C-alpha cells in the first residue's frame, strides 16, 4: 500500500509552520524538487522541513523566498487559531 506524505503535527508551533510551507508550495504547483532548488537546499532537506523536522527560524527567509512570500507569512498568529 503506497504511503502519502507524512503530515506535520499541527498542534505544535513548528508543525503549523511546516503545514503552511507545504500549503504554499502546493498552491504554487511546485514540486518538492523545484522548491528545494529555489531554496538552494537538497530535496530531502526541504521534505524534512515540510514535516517539521530540522525547521529553524534561520531557515525561514530562504524558504519564504523560494515560495515568493515573506518569512512572517509562514508563522501562525497563535496556536489556537485554525
Protein backbone atom coordinates (compact mmCIF):
# COMPACT_ATOMS: atom_id res chain seq x y z
CA UNK A 1 0.00 0.00 0.00
CA UNK A 2 1.61 3.33 -1.04
CA UNK A 3 2.14 5.87 1.67
CA UNK A 4 1.37 9.53 1.18
CA UNK A 5 3.43 12.36 2.59
CA UNK A 6 3.53 12.49 6.36
CA UNK A 7 1.54 15.39 7.70
CA UNK A 8 3.18 17.61 10.31
CA UNK A 9 1.75 17.70 13.83
CA UNK A 10 -0.33 20.88 13.63
CA UNK A 11 -0.82 21.03 17.39
CA UNK A 12 2.71 22.43 17.62
CA UNK A 13 4.05 25.80 16.52
CA UNK A 14 6.65 24.21 14.24
CA UNK A 15 4.06 21.84 12.80
CA UNK A 16 1.80 24.73 11.87
CA UNK A 17 4.70 26.49 10.12
CA UNK A 18 5.56 23.26 8.28
CA UNK A 19 1.94 22.84 7.17
CA UNK A 20 1.90 26.42 5.86
CA UNK A 21 5.10 25.79 3.90
CA UNK A 22 3.53 22.73 2.26
CA UNK A 23 0.24 24.54 1.61
CA UNK A 24 2.01 27.40 -0.15
CA UNK A 25 4.23 25.06 -2.19
CA UNK A 26 1.23 23.05 -3.39
CA UNK A 27 -0.73 26.22 -4.14
CA UNK A 28 2.14 27.43 -6.34
CA UNK A 29 2.17 23.99 -8.02
CA UNK A 30 5.84 23.45 -7.15
CA UNK A 31 7.29 20.00 -6.68
CA UNK A 32 9.47 19.39 -3.66
CA UNK A 33 12.44 19.25 -6.02
CA UNK A 34 11.60 22.63 -7.61
CA UNK A 35 11.02 24.29 -4.24
CA UNK A 36 14.26 22.82 -2.89
CA UNK A 37 16.20 24.09 -5.90
CA UNK A 38 14.69 27.57 -5.46
CA UNK A 39 15.59 27.44 -1.76
CA UNK A 40 19.10 26.16 -2.54
CA UNK A 41 18.74 23.05 -0.37
CA UNK A 42 18.62 19.34 -1.23
CA UNK A 43 15.12 17.90 -1.79
CA UNK A 44 15.35 15.64 1.31
CA UNK A 45 16.05 18.73 3.44
CA UNK A 46 13.00 20.52 2.03
CA UNK A 47 10.88 17.43 2.61
CA UNK A 48 12.03 17.21 6.26
CA UNK A 49 11.24 20.89 6.78
CA UNK A 50 7.73 20.39 5.40
CA UNK A 51 7.33 17.69 8.02
CA UNK A 52 8.56 19.96 10.82
CA UNK A 53 11.93 18.28 11.27
CA UNK A 54 15.02 20.44 11.00
CA UNK A 55 12.95 23.58 10.62
CA UNK A 56 14.65 26.59 12.22
CA UNK A 57 13.89 30.28 12.31
CA UNK A 58 17.13 30.84 10.41
CA UNK A 59 15.85 28.70 7.53
CA UNK A 60 12.57 30.62 7.13
CA UNK A 61 13.87 33.52 4.95
CA UNK A 62 15.24 31.12 2.30
CA UNK A 63 12.07 29.03 2.39
CA UNK A 64 9.91 32.12 2.09
CA UNK A 65 11.97 33.44 -0.83
CA UNK A 66 11.56 30.11 -2.63
CA UNK A 67 7.79 30.37 -2.10
CA UNK A 68 7.55 34.05 -3.08
CA UNK A 69 6.43 35.33 0.31
CA UNK A 70 7.83 36.90 3.48
CA UNK A 71 9.10 34.76 6.37
CA UNK A 72 6.48 36.31 8.65
CA UNK A 73 3.75 34.96 6.33
CA UNK A 74 4.77 31.41 7.31
CA UNK A 75 4.42 31.99 11.06
CA UNK A 76 0.98 31.37 12.60
CA UNK A 77 -0.60 34.14 14.64
CA UNK A 78 -1.37 31.85 17.58
CA UNK A 79 -1.62 28.17 18.24
CA UNK A 80 -5.33 28.46 18.99
CA UNK A 81 -6.29 29.71 15.52
CA UNK A 82 -7.10 27.12 12.88
